[in-house]
Protein backbone atom coordinates (compact mmCIF):
# COMPACT_ATOMS: atom_id res chain seq x y z
CA MET A 1 -1.34 -15.87 3.49
CA SER A 2 0.30 -12.46 3.72
CA ASN A 3 4.04 -12.00 3.45
CA LEU A 4 3.83 -9.13 5.96
CA ARG A 5 3.58 -9.55 9.72
CA LEU A 6 2.68 -6.48 11.78
CA ILE A 7 5.22 -6.31 14.59
CA ASN A 8 4.47 -2.91 16.10
CA GLU A 9 2.08 0.01 15.76
CA THR A 10 2.90 3.20 17.65
CA GLU A 11 0.54 6.16 17.61
CA ILE A 12 1.46 9.56 19.02
CA THR A 13 -1.33 10.69 21.35
CA SER A 14 0.43 13.49 23.22
CA SER A 15 2.98 16.19 22.52
CA VAL A 16 6.41 14.54 22.08
CA SER A 17 9.38 15.42 19.90
CA SER A 18 10.75 11.86 19.65
CA VAL A 19 9.55 8.29 19.87
CA ASP A 20 11.66 5.17 20.38
CA ILE A 21 10.33 2.05 18.71
CA THR A 22 12.33 -0.76 20.25
CA ASP A 23 12.66 -4.51 19.83
CA VAL A 24 11.13 -4.64 16.35
CA PHE A 25 14.14 -5.91 14.36
CA SER A 26 15.30 -9.46 15.11
CA SER A 27 16.75 -12.50 13.40
CA ASP A 28 13.21 -13.51 12.40
CA PHE A 29 13.34 -11.37 9.23
CA ASP A 30 15.99 -9.87 6.95
CA ILE A 31 13.67 -7.22 5.50
CA TYR A 32 11.33 -4.89 7.38
CA LYS A 33 8.73 -2.43 6.18
CA ILE A 34 7.99 0.75 8.11
CA THR A 35 5.04 2.96 7.23
CA SER A 36 4.48 6.36 8.74
CA GLU A 37 1.82 9.00 8.71
CA THR A 38 3.22 12.15 10.25
CA VAL A 39 1.00 15.02 11.29
CA ALA A 40 2.43 18.48 11.98
CA ASN A 41 1.62 20.36 15.15
CA THR A 42 2.13 24.13 15.28
CA THR A 43 5.39 24.51 13.33
CA PRO A 44 6.85 22.83 10.23
CA LEU A 45 8.50 19.47 10.93
CA ALA A 46 11.37 17.48 9.46
CA THR A 47 11.16 13.89 10.74
CA ARG A 48 14.55 12.26 11.23
CA LEU A 49 15.68 8.72 12.03
CA ARG A 50 18.37 7.19 14.20
CA TYR A 51 18.73 3.47 14.81
CA ILE A 52 18.79 1.80 18.22
CA ASN A 53 21.41 -0.94 18.70
CA SER A 54 21.03 -4.27 20.51
CA SER A 55 22.35 -2.69 23.73
CA GLY A 56 19.40 -0.28 23.67
CA SER A 57 21.54 2.76 22.84
CA VAL A 58 20.61 5.24 20.14
CA VAL A 59 23.29 5.24 17.45
CA SER A 60 24.37 8.88 17.19
CA ALA A 61 27.81 8.41 15.61
CA SER A 62 28.50 10.11 12.28
CA ASP A 63 27.86 6.91 10.34
CA TYR A 64 24.66 7.80 8.46
CA ASP A 65 24.84 8.26 4.68
CA TYR A 66 21.89 9.08 2.44
CA ALA A 67 20.80 10.43 -0.91
CA ARG A 68 17.41 11.67 -2.03
CA LEU A 69 15.64 12.79 -5.16
CA VAL A 70 12.82 15.28 -4.66
CA LEU A 71 10.23 15.30 -7.44
CA TYR A 72 8.79 18.75 -6.84
CA THR A 73 5.39 19.25 -8.42
CA TYR A 74 5.90 23.01 -8.66
CA SER A 75 9.51 23.38 -9.88
CA ALA A 76 12.51 21.45 -11.23
CA PHE A 77 13.46 18.22 -9.47
CA GLY A 78 16.11 18.42 -6.77
CA GLU A 79 18.60 16.02 -5.30
CA GLY A 80 20.88 15.89 -2.32
CA ARG A 81 23.26 13.56 -0.57
CA GLN A 82 25.15 13.53 2.69
CA VAL A 83 27.78 11.28 4.23
CA ASN A 84 29.05 10.94 7.79
CA GLN A 85 25.94 12.44 9.38
CA ASP A 86 24.62 11.62 12.86
CA HIS A 87 21.07 10.85 11.59
CA HIS A 88 19.05 10.25 8.42
CA ALA A 89 17.54 13.66 7.71
CA VAL A 90 13.93 13.93 6.56
CA PHE A 91 13.70 10.11 6.54
CA PHE A 92 9.95 10.18 7.16
CA GLY A 93 9.43 13.52 5.39
CA ASN A 94 8.82 17.13 6.26
CA CYS A 95 5.63 19.10 6.40
CA GLY A 96 4.15 22.48 7.15
CA VAL A 97 1.76 23.22 9.99
CA ALA A 98 -1.41 21.21 10.69
CA PRO A 99 -3.33 19.87 8.89
CA GLU A 100 -0.38 19.22 6.54
CA GLY A 101 1.57 16.00 6.93
CA THR A 102 3.61 13.27 5.28
CA SER A 103 3.28 9.60 4.43
CA ALA A 104 6.25 7.30 3.98
CA VAL A 105 7.03 3.66 3.20
CA ALA A 106 10.54 2.43 4.03
CA TYR A 107 12.21 -0.95 3.64
CA ILE A 108 15.06 -1.75 6.03
CA PHE A 109 17.54 -4.48 5.03
CA ASN A 110 19.53 -6.69 7.43
CA PRO A 111 19.22 -4.46 10.51
CA HIS A 112 19.81 -7.29 12.97
CA SER A 113 23.01 -8.49 11.28
CA SER A 114 26.21 -7.52 13.08
CA SER A 115 28.32 -8.36 10.03
CA SER A 116 26.83 -5.97 7.46
CA TYR A 117 25.62 -2.39 7.16
CA THR A 118 21.94 -1.56 7.62
CA PHE A 119 20.50 -0.28 4.33
CA ALA A 120 17.15 1.35 3.60
CA ILE A 121 15.13 2.54 0.65
CA ASN A 122 12.01 4.58 1.03
CA GLN A 123 9.60 6.82 -0.74
CA LEU A 124 7.43 9.48 0.74
CA MET A 125 5.06 12.28 -0.02
CA THR A 126 5.47 15.57 1.78
CA VAL A 127 3.10 18.50 1.88
CA SER A 128 4.44 21.86 2.97
CA ASN A 129 2.79 25.23 2.37
CA SER A 130 0.18 23.41 0.26
CA GLN A 131 2.94 22.17 -2.09
CA GLU A 132 3.33 18.42 -2.71
CA SER A 133 6.74 16.79 -3.10
CA PRO A 134 7.26 13.08 -3.73
CA VAL A 135 10.70 11.90 -2.54
CA LYS A 136 12.84 8.81 -3.30
CA TYR A 137 15.45 8.06 -0.62
CA ILE A 138 18.32 5.59 -0.15
CA SER A 139 20.44 5.30 2.96
CA ALA A 140 22.94 3.28 4.94
CA LEU A 141 24.15 3.05 8.51
CA THR A 142 27.84 2.48 7.78
CA GLN A 143 28.74 0.51 10.87
CA THR A 144 28.36 -3.17 11.53
CA THR A 145 26.15 -3.20 14.58
CA SER A 146 23.05 -5.20 15.34
CA VAL A 147 20.08 -2.84 15.16
CA THR A 148 16.88 -3.73 17.03
CA GLY A 149 14.82 -0.55 16.72
CA PHE A 150 14.73 3.09 15.71
CA ARG A 151 14.07 6.58 17.01
CA ALA A 152 11.90 8.95 14.98
CA TYR A 153 12.30 12.56 16.02
CA VAL A 154 11.57 16.04 14.76
CA ASN A 155 13.81 19.07 14.40
CA SER A 156 11.49 21.42 16.29
CA ASP A 157 8.17 21.48 18.15
CA SER A 158 6.54 18.05 18.43
CA PHE A 159 4.62 15.44 16.48
CA GLY A 160 0.96 16.15 15.97
CA THR A 161 -1.61 13.85 17.55
CA GLY A 162 -2.44 11.06 15.13
CA THR A 163 1.10 10.45 13.91
CA VAL A 164 1.48 6.67 13.42
CA PHE A 165 4.46 4.38 12.79
CA ARG A 166 3.88 0.75 11.80
CA THR A 167 6.66 -1.84 11.54
CA TYR A 168 6.23 -5.09 9.62
CA GLY A 169 8.45 -8.10 9.06
CA LEU A 170 8.60 -9.18 5.41
CA ARG A 171 8.67 -12.94 4.87
CA VAL A 172 10.35 -14.11 1.69
CA ASP A 173 8.92 -17.40 0.37
CA SER A 174 11.23 -19.63 -1.59
């Protein structure tokens, strides 16, 4: 029996710059897995993340902290970190114009808990201007709010058709 349960699959089939994936985090699981396959449209994209709280509001306060290590295949590695932001930047990656894209796997910890921060780790592969860049990413929403979903959105233009987000609950057997 699998330890993963598919909770939601959302595919972008029209031109949109954001998608809200709601009611996927609950008290049923403490750990969630999100996979994404992002396709660019006509301009380069940077796919960002904001959480949605149990009231259905997008959390846009400056309570997002993150750090990333970029393992460039064409130059020296790079790193960056930010605190007190209003989103997780490049959470699902960035990419050049179609047919370039990104793939990401993220694990979200304790999102439904209202007594602890929501943490995430993820890794992704971005392709921009035919250059590949693997990325390791850690992040936290530094407020104690119950999170039930997330918004994925891009900095410009819109998602390309075929972009897919899948959310799984991860069961831990004892």
